[in-house]
Amino acid sequence: MQESQKSREELIQEIAKLRREIEEKNSRETNYKRIENALRISESRYRSLVENTADVIFTLDRNWNFTFLNPRFQEITGYSIQELLWHPLAEIVSQDDTEILSDDFREKVLNGKIVKSEINIIHKDNKKIYIELIFIPMDYESDSDVMNVLVAGQDISRHKKNFEDSLKIQKLESIGVLAGGIAHDFNNILTAILGNISLSRMYLESEDAEDKAMKRLKEAEDASIQAKSLTQRLLTFAKGGTPIRKPIFLVNLLKDSAEFALSGSDSVCDFDIDEDLWMINADEGQISQIVNNIVVNADQAMPEGGRIKLTAKNVDIEENTVPLKPGKHVKISIEDHGHGIPKENINQVFDPYFTTKQSSGLGLSTAYSIVRKHKGYIDVDSKIGEGTVFHVYLPALDENEVKEENIENTDKASAIASALIGDSTTKRLLLIDESDSISGNIIESIEAAGYDINRLSELAGALELYREAKESGLPYKFVVINSDVFKGNNINNITRELKQIYPEVNIVLSVDHPDNPISAEYVKYGFQYVISKPYNEKDLMDMIEKL
């Protein structure tokens, strides 16, 4: 009986032990399933992260061959996985990036160091992409030798482009400080020279004048005018020359500027311009200079002549496509089929004084400065042996601005025309300029042309003199005021008082150089015209005729 009782207890213990073992086994299997499920979820999350991230992710073996690439890498490089898998990284890296492909760099990573680097990837379409990468060693074996390298990074091409543009701007502005000062003084000297030459020619224009003296004076005068043009270019290069903006249609301007630039050349220009090209608010002369400079550059790239294509299209700029505010723009492209620009020079073409030709080197940097002043953007693409194309983007004028500007111009033109009716024989001019050398020869030249001209060196007493002239019945129809004489005076008050005294007056702003904030909005300050130094009596006569 006791034996039977003992056997039963042993059996129960065995059963209990077996149950515990079964429960432990079930628990282990449950844990295994939990771990397996967790791993599956983790793998899914990892895969989703790798495939959908905005970052570039790929892996390399010890020989720097691709072993994995995520979709983002394919997207920004243009290559498929099949085209790159098990191919060396060197196949798509710019030859300029010798460091990342060097044995020293590879050994540093393979020895367990995390390394950051910036590389240039050559896109499948042959454009350059800047990528910032971090190389992370992984998959260690017992001998600590790395089998794989995880590489992650981001596309910094846009950031790089903006940084390079910023450097160009800084270069232009630093040199511009010096150039602007030189041009300012040079203009004053030129005005005195040009005026005296013009006056001498007037005196010599008689029957007994020496032909040789007349010829030399004419050549000197022409040279002074050329120097004036050079000064304007220098000022535009220095500070962009504050544009005197007005609504303009580009179609004829583009054609005339390009054809003028090719005068006497063996090259011809083909045009592809939208008939409904949007208007822009711009300085007509400066936009013409952009076209002129780029077309001349294109012509020089084809020494034996060739065909240049000028395209102008309406474009809607979207976010992050080019470094401009989104919206309507006019895109002007000028393409040649010349020798092209080497890639080591492509980022320098807009730099001051950079040139590979026997020229001043100011052409493209001047164009760059003008475009920037107009809140636009200029870029260049080039292939050796195939040619170069410059792209210029300029903001289009809003339709409401066009209507308002046209109304304002119409009203202004009517007012001036009405003021001149019945008073066209008045030939009196008041010149307010602090420069004695400039004013002296100008006064003599204008008087020789039959005008009654008076000159003041400062604003003090100008209003009183003007009032007295009006009360005497001989008002000054034209008042030319140099911007330097205002010196803290409220410009609008001065022009307003002049018009209160004599409403028919034409007030002209004289500036030492076009980079003057008043000249950009001269109408707002009460002026009808802007004249830049250096000028002579012919320039003044042209101004009077236009008004």
Protein backbone atom coordinates (compact mmCIF):
# COMPACT_ATOMS: atom_id res chain seq x y z
CA MET A 1 0.00 0.00 0.00
CA GLN A 2 2.79 2.40 0.93
CA GLU A 3 4.66 1.41 -2.18
CA SER A 4 1.67 2.19 -4.31
CA GLN A 5 1.34 5.57 -2.59
CA LYS A 6 5.02 6.33 -3.29
CA SER A 7 4.73 5.38 -6.96
CA ARG A 8 1.76 7.70 -7.33
CA GLU A 9 3.70 10.64 -5.81
CA GLU A 10 6.66 9.98 -8.06
CA LEU A 11 4.35 9.87 -11.05
CA ILE A 12 2.79 13.18 -10.03
CA GLN A 13 6.25 14.73 -9.67
CA GLU A 14 7.25 13.41 -13.06
CA ILE A 15 4.07 14.80 -14.56
CA ALA A 16 4.67 18.17 -12.85
CA LYS A 17 8.26 18.20 -14.07
CA LEU A 18 7.16 17.36 -17.58
CA ARG A 19 4.51 20.11 -17.43
CA ARG A 20 7.15 22.62 -16.31
CA GLU A 21 9.38 21.59 -19.19
CA ILE A 22 6.49 21.92 -21.65
CA GLU A 23 5.62 25.35 -20.25
CA GLU A 24 9.26 26.47 -20.45
CA LYS A 25 9.47 25.22 -24.03
CA ASN A 26 6.25 27.02 -24.94
CA SER A 27 7.60 30.18 -23.29
CA ARG A 28 10.85 29.96 -25.23
CA GLU A 29 8.96 29.43 -28.48
CA THR A 30 6.74 32.39 -27.67
CA ASN A 31 9.80 34.55 -26.99
CA TYR A 32 11.39 33.36 -30.21
CA LYS A 33 8.23 34.39 -32.07
CA ARG A 34 8.21 37.73 -30.30
CA ILE A 35 11.85 38.33 -31.19
CA GLU A 36 11.29 37.18 -34.76
CA ASN A 37 8.28 39.50 -35.07
CA ALA A 38 10.24 42.41 -33.56
CA LEU A 39 13.06 41.80 -35.98
CA ARG A 40 10.61 41.71 -38.87
CA ILE A 41 9.07 45.03 -37.76
CA SER A 42 12.52 46.53 -37.24
CA GLU A 43 13.64 45.39 -40.69
CA SER A 44 10.49 46.86 -42.24
CA ARG A 45 11.05 50.18 -40.48
CA TYR A 46 14.70 50.22 -41.51
CA ARG A 47 13.83 49.42 -45.12
CA SER A 48 11.13 52.14 -45.17
CA LEU A 49 13.57 54.63 -43.67
CA VAL A 50 16.33 53.81 -46.14
CA GLU A 51 14.02 53.83 -49.17
CA ASN A 52 12.10 57.01 -48.31
CA THR A 53 14.71 59.23 -46.70
CA ALA A 54 15.85 62.42 -48.43
CA ASP A 55 19.43 61.40 -47.70
CA VAL A 56 21.77 59.43 -49.92
CA ILE A 57 22.57 55.97 -48.48
CA PHE A 58 24.81 53.31 -50.00
CA THR A 59 27.34 50.70 -48.92
CA LEU A 60 30.80 49.86 -50.24
CA ASP A 61 33.00 46.82 -49.96
CA ARG A 62 36.69 47.01 -49.09
CA ASN A 63 37.54 47.69 -52.76
CA TRP A 64 35.18 50.68 -52.89
CA ASN A 65 32.59 48.89 -55.04
CA PHE A 66 28.88 49.56 -54.52
CA THR A 67 27.07 46.76 -52.64
CA PHE A 68 23.82 48.65 -52.00
CA LEU A 69 22.19 51.93 -53.14
CA ASN A 70 18.96 53.50 -51.92
CA PRO A 71 16.38 55.11 -54.28
CA ARG A 72 17.46 58.65 -53.34
CA PHE A 73 20.96 57.96 -54.68
CA GLN A 74 19.45 56.81 -57.98
CA GLU A 75 17.19 59.87 -58.08
CA ILE A 76 19.90 62.51 -57.78
CA THR A 77 22.53 60.75 -59.93
CA GLY A 78 20.31 59.43 -62.72
CA TYR A 79 21.83 55.92 -62.55
CA SER A 80 19.86 52.75 -61.85
CA ILE A 81 20.91 50.12 -59.30
CA GLN A 82 21.79 47.71 -62.12
CA GLU A 83 24.16 50.28 -63.65
CA LEU A 84 26.14 50.79 -60.45
CA LEU A 85 25.85 47.66 -58.28
CA TRP A 86 29.29 46.04 -57.86
CA HIS A 87 30.83 48.85 -59.91
CA PRO A 88 33.56 51.04 -58.37
CA LEU A 89 32.68 54.41 -56.81
CA ALA A 90 35.44 55.96 -58.95
CA GLU A 91 33.31 55.57 -62.10
CA ILE A 92 30.97 58.42 -61.10
CA VAL A 93 33.22 60.62 -58.96
CA SER A 94 34.80 63.72 -60.51
CA GLN A 95 38.50 63.33 -61.26
CA ASP A 96 39.06 66.46 -59.15
CA ASP A 97 38.20 64.44 -56.03
CA THR A 98 41.42 62.46 -55.78
CA GLU A 99 41.38 62.36 -51.96
CA ILE A 100 38.25 60.23 -51.53
CA LEU A 101 39.59 57.68 -54.01
CA SER A 102 43.06 57.55 -52.52
CA ASP A 103 44.46 54.53 -50.67
CA ASP A 104 45.10 56.66 -47.57
CA PHE A 105 41.44 57.70 -47.33
CA ARG A 106 40.20 54.14 -47.84
CA GLU A 107 42.63 52.68 -45.30
CA LYS A 108 41.58 55.29 -42.73
CA VAL A 109 37.94 54.14 -43.00
CA LEU A 110 38.80 50.43 -43.19
CA ASN A 111 40.80 50.81 -40.01
CA GLY A 112 37.66 51.85 -38.13
CA LYS A 113 37.56 55.65 -38.36
CA ILE A 114 34.38 57.58 -39.18
CA VAL A 115 35.27 60.18 -41.85
CA LYS A 116 33.32 63.09 -43.36
CA SER A 117 33.99 64.29 -46.89
CA GLU A 118 32.50 66.37 -49.70
CA ILE A 119 32.55 64.92 -53.21
CA ASN A 120 31.51 65.80 -56.74
CA ILE A 121 29.34 63.13 -58.35
CA ILE A 122 29.01 63.29 -62.14
CA HIS A 123 25.33 62.89 -63.02
CA LYS A 124 24.37 60.55 -65.83
CA ASP A 125 23.57 63.70 -67.88
CA ASN A 126 27.14 64.92 -67.23
CA LYS A 127 26.25 67.71 -64.78
CA LYS A 128 28.09 68.02 -61.49
CA ILE A 129 26.40 67.27 -58.14
CA TYR A 130 27.90 68.16 -54.77
CA ILE A 131 27.26 65.63 -51.98
CA GLU A 132 28.36 65.82 -48.35
CA LEU A 133 29.02 62.27 -47.05
CA ILE A 134 29.93 60.46 -43.87
CA PHE A 135 31.77 57.10 -44.15
CA ILE A 136 30.97 54.67 -41.30
CA PRO A 137 32.89 51.37 -40.97
CA MET A 138 30.76 48.32 -40.13
CA ASP A 139 30.63 44.47 -40.17
CA TYR A 140 33.73 43.70 -38.09
CA GLU A 141 35.11 40.20 -38.01
CA SER A 142 37.24 38.64 -35.28
CA ASP A 143 40.40 40.08 -36.81
CA SER A 144 38.86 43.62 -36.71
CA ASP A 145 39.08 43.88 -40.48
CA VAL A 146 36.16 45.87 -41.94
CA MET A 147 34.13 44.10 -44.59
CA ASN A 148 31.62 46.86 -45.48
CA VAL A 149 31.31 50.65 -45.24
CA LEU A 150 28.01 52.42 -44.74
CA VAL A 151 27.91 55.84 -46.46
CA ALA A 152 25.20 58.44 -45.82
CA GLY A 153 24.90 62.04 -46.89
CA GLN A 154 22.90 64.78 -48.58
CA ASP A 155 22.83 66.72 -51.83
CA ILE A 156 24.33 70.19 -51.18
CA SER A 157 24.49 71.35 -54.82
CA ARG A 158 22.07 74.24 -54.27
CA HIS A 159 23.85 75.35 -51.12
CA LYS A 160 27.18 75.15 -52.94
CA LYS A 161 25.82 77.22 -55.85
CA ASN A 162 24.46 79.89 -53.52
CA PHE A 163 27.79 80.01 -51.71
CA GLU A 164 29.70 80.46 -54.98
CA ASP A 165 27.27 83.20 -56.05
CA SER A 166 27.83 84.93 -52.71
CA LEU A 167 31.60 84.84 -53.25
CA LYS A 168 31.17 86.40 -56.70
CA ILE A 169 29.08 89.19 -55.22
CA GLN A 170 31.67 89.85 -52.52
CA LYS A 171 34.44 90.05 -55.12
CA LEU A 172 32.46 92.50 -57.23
CA GLU A 173 31.55 94.69 -54.29
CA SER A 174 35.07 94.85 -52.84
CA ILE A 175 36.62 95.86 -56.15
CA GLY A 176 33.65 98.13 -56.80
CA VAL A 177 34.57 100.44 -53.93
CA LEU A 178 37.81 101.34 -55.68
CA ALA A 179 36.38 101.35 -59.20
CA GLY A 180 33.46 103.60 -58.23
CA GLY A 181 35.73 106.24 -56.71
CA ILE A 182 38.03 106.29 -59.74
CA ALA A 183 35.13 106.59 -62.16
CA HIS A 184 33.53 109.43 -60.18
CA ASP A 185 36.65 111.61 -60.42
CA PHE A 186 37.34 110.50 -63.99
CA ASN A 187 33.89 111.66 -65.09
CA ASN A 188 34.44 115.17 -63.73
CA ILE A 189 37.78 115.44 -65.51
CA LEU A 190 36.27 114.14 -68.74
CA THR A 191 33.43 116.66 -68.61
CA ALA A 192 35.90 119.54 -68.38
CA ILE A 193 38.03 118.10 -71.22
CA LEU A 194 35.05 117.36 -73.45
CA GLY A 195 33.52 120.77 -72.87
CA ASN A 196 36.73 122.64 -73.70
CA ILE A 197 37.27 120.57 -76.84
CA SER A 198 33.73 121.23 -78.01
CA LEU A 199 34.12 124.95 -77.34
CA SER A 200 37.44 125.06 -79.23
CA ARG A 201 35.81 123.37 -82.22
CA MET A 202 33.07 125.97 -82.21
CA TYR A 203 35.65 128.79 -82.30
CA LEU A 204 37.61 127.07 -85.06
CA GLU A 205 34.59 126.45 -87.28
CA SER A 206 35.32 129.37 -89.55
CA GLU A 207 36.75 129.82 -93.04
CA ASP A 208 40.31 130.41 -91.83
CA ALA A 209 40.36 127.48 -89.39
CA GLU A 210 43.25 125.11 -89.72
CA ASP A 211 42.06 121.75 -91.09
CA LYS A 212 44.66 119.83 -89.10
CA ALA A 213 43.66 121.51 -85.82
CA MET A 214 40.00 120.73 -86.49
CA LYS A 215 40.83 117.12 -87.28
CA ARG A 216 42.88 116.68 -84.11
CA LEU A 217 40.21 118.31 -81.96
CA LYS A 218 37.57 116.07 -83.49
CA GLU A 219 39.68 112.98 -82.74
CA ALA A 220 40.23 114.18 -79.17
CA GLU A 221 36.50 114.75 -78.76
CA ASP A 222 35.71 111.27 -80.09
CA ALA A 223 38.27 109.76 -77.73
CA SER A 224 36.65 111.58 -74.79
CA ILE A 225 33.28 110.17 -75.76
CA GLN A 226 34.78 106.67 -75.91
CA ALA A 227 36.28 107.27 -72.47
CA LYS A 228 32.82 108.25 -71.24
CA SER A 229 31.47 104.92 -72.50
CA LEU A 230 34.30 103.09 -70.73
CA THR A 231 33.53 104.96 -67.52
CA GLN A 232 29.88 103.92 -67.71
CA ARG A 233 31.01 100.31 -68.10
CA LEU A 234 33.36 100.68 -65.14
CA LEU A 235 30.58 102.13 -62.99
CA THR A 236 28.20 99.39 -63.98
CA PHE A 237 30.87 96.82 -63.15
CA ALA A 238 31.68 98.54 -59.85
CA LYS A 239 28.18 98.82 -58.41
CA GLY A 240 25.88 97.71 -61.15
CA GLY A 241 24.85 101.30 -61.90
CA THR A 242 21.51 101.80 -60.17
CA PRO A 243 19.11 101.04 -63.03
CA ILE A 244 16.79 103.78 -64.23
CA ARG A 245 13.85 101.42 -64.68
CA LYS A 246 10.83 101.73 -66.89
CA PRO A 247 8.50 99.17 -68.51
CA ILE A 248 10.07 97.91 -71.72
CA PHE A 249 9.21 95.41 -74.46
CA LEU A 250 12.25 93.25 -75.06
CA VAL A 251 11.60 91.95 -78.58
CA ASN A 252 13.14 94.79 -80.60
CA LEU A 253 15.71 95.58 -77.91
CA LEU A 254 17.09 92.03 -78.01
CA LYS A 255 17.27 91.93 -81.79
CA ASP A 256 18.82 95.40 -82.15
CA SER A 257 21.40 94.78 -79.40
CA ALA A 258 22.50 91.40 -80.77
CA GLU A 259 22.74 92.61 -84.37
CA PHE A 260 24.65 95.73 -83.31
CA ALA A 261 27.13 93.59 -81.34
CA LEU A 262 27.80 91.52 -84.47
CA SER A 263 28.38 94.51 -86.77
CA GLY A 264 31.35 93.67 -89.00
CA SER A 265 31.50 90.12 -87.62
CA ASP A 266 31.46 86.86 -89.57
CA SER A 267 28.83 85.51 -87.17
CA VAL A 268 25.05 85.80 -87.50
CA CYS A 269 22.32 85.62 -84.87
CA ASP A 270 19.17 83.50 -85.14
CA PHE A 271 16.21 84.53 -82.99
CA ASP A 272 13.52 82.46 -81.29
CA ILE A 273 11.48 84.99 -79.29
CA ASP A 274 7.95 84.58 -77.94
CA GLU A 275 5.64 87.00 -79.76
CA ASP A 276 3.77 87.66 -76.52
CA LEU A 277 6.98 88.10 -74.48
CA TRP A 278 6.18 89.66 -71.12
CA MET A 279 7.30 93.21 -70.36
CA ILE A 280 9.98 93.82 -67.73
CA ASN A 281 10.71 96.81 -65.52
CA ALA A 282 14.32 97.56 -66.38
CA ASP A 283 16.99 99.97 -67.52
CA GLU A 284 16.91 99.71 -71.31
CA GLY A 285 20.57 100.65 -71.77
CA GLN A 286 21.80 98.14 -69.20
CA ILE A 287 19.74 95.26 -70.59
CA SER A 288 21.15 96.10 -74.01
CA GLN A 289 24.63 95.96 -72.49
CA ILE A 290 23.99 92.46 -71.09
CA VAL A 291 23.03 91.19 -74.54
CA ASN A 292 25.91 93.04 -76.17
CA ASN A 293 28.53 91.63 -73.79
CA ILE A 294 27.34 88.02 -74.03
CA VAL A 295 26.92 88.12 -77.82
CA VAL A 296 30.42 89.60 -78.24
CA ASN A 297 31.74 86.84 -75.98
CA ALA A 298 29.92 84.24 -78.12
CA ASP A 299 31.34 85.73 -81.32
CA GLN A 300 34.88 85.63 -79.91
CA ALA A 301 34.38 81.95 -79.07
CA MET A 302 33.97 81.30 -82.82
CA PRO A 303 37.00 82.98 -84.47
CA GLU A 304 35.94 81.89 -87.95
CA GLY A 305 32.34 82.98 -87.43
CA GLY A 306 29.25 80.90 -86.84
CA ARG A 307 25.63 80.98 -85.79
CA ILE A 308 24.53 82.36 -82.44
CA LYS A 309 21.04 81.54 -81.18
CA LEU A 310 19.16 84.02 -79.01
CA THR A 311 16.05 82.62 -77.35
CA ALA A 312 13.61 84.57 -75.18
CA LYS A 313 10.72 82.81 -73.47
CA ASN A 314 8.12 83.44 -70.79
CA VAL A 315 8.77 81.12 -67.83
CA ASP A 316 7.13 80.53 -64.48
CA ILE A 317 9.84 79.96 -61.90
CA GLU A 318 8.96 77.30 -59.33
CA GLU A 319 10.36 76.91 -55.83
CA ASN A 320 13.99 75.66 -55.62
CA THR A 321 14.61 75.45 -59.38
CA VAL A 322 16.90 78.49 -59.65
CA PRO A 323 17.87 80.92 -56.86
CA LEU A 324 14.99 83.34 -57.54
CA LYS A 325 11.64 84.12 -56.01
CA PRO A 326 8.93 81.97 -57.61
CA GLY A 327 6.85 83.76 -60.23
CA LYS A 328 6.81 85.06 -63.79
CA HIS A 329 10.18 85.72 -65.44
CA VAL A 330 11.59 86.25 -68.91
CA LYS A 331 14.37 83.78 -69.73
CA ILE A 332 16.93 84.91 -72.30
CA SER A 333 19.36 82.27 -73.59
CA ILE A 334 22.33 83.06 -75.84
CA GLU A 335 24.07 80.02 -77.33
CA ASP A 336 27.20 79.67 -79.43
CA HIS A 337 28.90 76.66 -81.00
CA GLY A 338 32.43 77.65 -80.12
CA HIS A 339 35.29 75.95 -78.31
CA GLY A 340 33.47 75.86 -74.96
CA ILE A 341 34.71 76.70 -71.47
CA PRO A 342 36.93 74.24 -69.56
CA LYS A 343 35.25 72.94 -66.41
CA GLU A 344 38.05 74.36 -64.24
CA ASN A 345 37.10 77.84 -65.53
CA ILE A 346 33.31 77.56 -65.58
CA ASN A 347 32.92 78.94 -62.05
CA GLN A 348 35.19 81.90 -62.77
CA VAL A 349 33.64 83.36 -65.92
CA PHE A 350 31.76 86.06 -63.96
CA ASP A 351 34.76 86.99 -61.80
CA PRO A 352 36.28 90.46 -62.30
CA TYR A 353 39.16 90.51 -64.77
CA PHE A 354 39.07 86.77 -65.40
CA THR A 355 39.57 86.15 -69.11
CA THR A 356 41.21 83.72 -71.48
CA LYS A 357 41.11 86.27 -74.31
CA GLN A 358 43.11 89.40 -75.07
CA SER A 359 40.44 91.69 -73.63
CA SER A 360 39.60 93.65 -70.50
CA GLY A 361 37.68 90.80 -68.92
CA LEU A 362 34.93 93.13 -67.72
CA GLY A 363 32.19 91.94 -70.10
CA LEU A 364 30.69 89.00 -68.23
CA SER A 365 31.27 90.41 -64.73
CA THR A 366 29.48 93.57 -65.89
CA ALA A 367 26.56 91.47 -67.16
CA TYR A 368 26.51 89.58 -63.85
CA SER A 369 26.37 92.83 -61.88
CA ILE A 370 23.58 94.30 -64.03
CA VAL A 371 21.45 91.15 -63.77
CA ARG A 372 21.86 91.14 -59.99
CA LYS A 373 20.82 94.82 -59.78
CA HIS A 374 17.66 93.90 -61.69
CA LYS A 375 16.91 91.13 -59.14
CA GLY A 376 17.55 88.48 -61.79
CA TYR A 377 19.86 85.51 -62.19
CA ILE A 378 22.50 84.51 -64.75
CA ASP A 379 23.99 81.06 -65.28
CA VAL A 380 26.16 79.28 -67.82
CA ASP A 381 26.40 75.77 -69.29
CA SER A 382 29.27 74.69 -71.50
CA LYS A 383 30.79 71.63 -73.14
CA ILE A 384 34.28 71.58 -74.61
CA GLY A 385 34.12 71.44 -78.39
CA GLU A 386 30.35 71.91 -78.48
CA GLY A 387 29.71 75.43 -77.25
CA THR A 388 28.37 77.58 -74.45
CA VAL A 389 24.95 78.90 -73.50
CA PHE A 390 24.24 81.74 -71.06
CA HIS A 391 20.83 81.89 -69.38
CA VAL A 392 19.53 85.21 -68.04
CA TYR A 393 16.36 85.36 -65.92
CA LEU A 394 14.65 88.75 -65.40
CA PRO A 395 11.45 89.34 -63.38
CA ALA A 396 8.41 90.03 -65.56
CA LEU A 397 6.36 93.15 -64.94
CA ASP A 398 3.03 92.70 -63.21
CA GLU A 399 0.04 93.63 -65.40
CA ASN A 400 -1.18 96.20 -62.86
CA GLU A 401 2.26 97.86 -62.86
CA VAL A 402 2.14 98.10 -66.66
CA LYS A 403 -1.22 99.86 -66.60
CA GLU A 404 -0.21 102.29 -63.83
CA GLU A 405 3.12 103.13 -65.50
CA ASN A 406 1.48 103.74 -68.89
CA ILE A 407 -1.10 106.07 -67.33
CA GLU A 408 1.61 107.94 -65.46
CA ASN A 409 3.78 108.34 -68.57
CA THR A 410 0.82 109.51 -70.66
CA ASP A 411 -0.18 112.12 -68.09
CA LYS A 412 3.40 113.29 -67.69
CA ALA A 413 3.93 113.59 -71.45
CA SER A 414 0.70 115.58 -71.82
CA ALA A 415 1.69 117.93 -69.03
CA ILE A 416 5.10 118.64 -70.55
CA ALA A 417 3.65 119.12 -74.03
CA SER A 418 1.05 121.56 -72.69
CA ALA A 419 3.69 123.51 -70.80
CA LEU A 420 5.78 124.00 -73.93
CA ILE A 421 2.92 125.30 -76.10
CA GLY A 422 3.15 129.06 -76.50
CA ASP A 423 6.53 129.25 -74.81
CA SER A 424 8.78 127.44 -77.29
CA THR A 425 10.96 130.53 -77.94
CA THR A 426 12.16 130.78 -74.35
CA LYS A 427 15.86 129.86 -74.32
CA ARG A 428 16.90 130.36 -70.71
CA LEU A 429 18.71 127.77 -68.62
CA LEU A 430 19.83 127.78 -64.97
CA LEU A 431 22.75 125.47 -64.12
CA ILE A 432 23.39 124.63 -60.45
CA ASP A 433 26.73 122.79 -60.20
CA GLU A 434 29.56 123.21 -57.73
CA SER A 435 32.31 122.38 -60.25
CA ASP A 436 33.84 125.56 -61.76
CA SER A 437 35.77 123.74 -64.50
CA ILE A 438 32.66 121.93 -65.72
CA SER A 439 30.32 124.89 -65.60
CA GLY A 440 32.65 127.42 -67.24
CA ASN A 441 33.01 125.79 -70.63
CA ILE A 442 29.40 124.55 -70.63
CA ILE A 443 28.12 128.10 -70.07
CA GLU A 444 30.28 129.47 -72.87
CA SER A 445 29.20 126.71 -75.28
CA ILE A 446 25.48 127.12 -74.53
CA GLU A 447 25.69 130.88 -74.88
CA ALA A 448 27.43 130.42 -78.24
CA ALA A 449 24.42 128.30 -79.27
CA GLY A 450 22.11 131.26 -78.53
CA TYR A 451 20.92 130.39 -75.03
CA ASP A 452 20.79 132.64 -72.00
CA ILE A 453 22.40 130.61 -69.23
CA ASN A 454 23.19 131.37 -65.59
CA ARG A 455 25.13 129.32 -63.12
CA LEU A 456 25.13 128.91 -59.35
CA SER A 457 27.57 126.77 -57.36
CA GLU A 458 25.12 125.99 -54.54
CA LEU A 459 21.41 125.85 -53.78
CA ALA A 460 21.55 128.81 -51.40
CA GLY A 461 19.88 131.75 -53.16
CA ALA A 462 18.69 129.60 -56.09
CA LEU A 463 14.99 129.91 -55.27
CA GLU A 464 15.25 133.65 -54.75
CA LEU A 465 17.08 134.10 -58.07
CA TYR A 466 14.51 131.93 -59.79
CA ARG A 467 11.62 133.91 -58.31
CA GLU A 468 13.16 137.18 -59.42
CA ALA A 469 13.59 135.84 -62.98
CA LYS A 470 9.93 134.82 -63.09
CA GLU A 471 8.74 138.17 -61.78
CA SER A 472 10.88 139.96 -64.38
CA GLY A 473 9.00 138.09 -67.11
CA LEU A 474 12.05 136.05 -68.16
CA PRO A 475 11.77 132.74 -66.31
CA TYR A 476 14.26 129.93 -66.75
CA LYS A 477 12.56 127.24 -68.80
CA PHE A 478 15.24 124.65 -67.86
CA VAL A 479 16.95 124.11 -64.50
CA VAL A 480 19.82 121.60 -64.41
CA ILE A 481 20.74 120.63 -60.84
CA ASN A 482 23.74 118.43 -59.99
CA SER A 483 22.94 115.86 -57.31
CA ASP A 484 25.96 116.86 -55.20
CA VAL A 485 24.54 120.32 -54.37
CA PHE A 486 21.55 119.02 -52.39
CA LYS A 487 23.66 118.07 -49.35
CA GLY A 488 20.91 117.26 -46.90
CA ASN A 489 18.23 119.47 -48.45
CA ASN A 490 14.87 117.85 -49.12
CA ILE A 491 14.90 117.27 -52.89
CA ASN A 492 11.13 117.12 -53.22
CA ASN A 493 10.78 120.46 -51.46
CA ILE A 494 13.23 122.10 -53.88
CA THR A 495 11.57 120.80 -57.04
CA ARG A 496 8.09 121.53 -55.64
CA GLU A 497 8.97 125.14 -54.87
CA LEU A 498 10.49 125.64 -58.34
CA LYS A 499 7.27 124.42 -59.94
CA GLN A 500 5.14 126.60 -57.67
CA ILE A 501 7.09 129.61 -58.89
CA TYR A 502 6.89 128.58 -62.55
CA PRO A 503 4.74 125.48 -63.32
CA GLU A 504 6.12 125.16 -66.88
CA VAL A 505 9.71 124.60 -65.73
CA ASN A 506 11.62 121.48 -66.81
CA ILE A 507 13.85 120.33 -63.96
CA VAL A 508 16.78 118.13 -65.00
CA LEU A 509 18.91 116.03 -62.65
CA SER A 510 22.64 115.97 -63.38
CA VAL A 511 24.57 113.04 -61.86
CA ASP A 512 28.28 112.36 -61.70
CA HIS A 513 27.61 108.70 -62.41
CA PRO A 514 24.53 106.53 -62.95
CA ASP A 515 24.99 104.71 -59.62
CA ASN A 516 22.89 107.34 -57.87
CA PRO A 517 19.74 106.40 -55.93
CA ILE A 518 17.96 109.59 -57.05
CA SER A 519 18.45 108.86 -60.76
CA ALA A 520 16.74 105.46 -60.41
CA GLU A 521 13.49 107.17 -59.35
CA TYR A 522 13.99 110.68 -60.71
CA VAL A 523 10.28 111.20 -61.55
CA LYS A 524 9.37 110.59 -57.91
CA TYR A 525 11.67 113.45 -56.91
CA GLY A 526 10.09 115.87 -59.36
CA PHE A 527 12.59 115.70 -62.25
CA GLN A 528 11.71 115.34 -65.94
CA TYR A 529 15.08 114.11 -67.19
CA VAL A 530 18.45 112.71 -66.09
CA ILE A 531 21.76 113.64 -67.70
CA SER A 532 25.02 111.95 -66.74
CA LYS A 533 28.49 113.42 -66.72
CA PRO A 534 30.52 113.94 -68.72
CA TYR A 535 28.29 115.97 -71.03
CA ASN A 536 28.80 118.81 -73.49
CA GLU A 537 26.59 121.42 -75.14
CA LYS A 538 25.31 118.84 -77.68
CA ASP A 539 24.06 116.62 -74.84
CA LEU A 540 22.26 119.60 -73.33
CA MET A 541 20.79 120.52 -76.70
CA ASP A 542 19.55 116.95 -77.14
CA MET A 543 17.99 117.09 -73.67
CA ILE A 544 16.21 120.38 -74.49
CA GLU A 545 14.96 118.99 -77.79
CA LYS A 546 13.57 115.84 -76.14
CA LEU A 547 11.78 117.82 -73.45
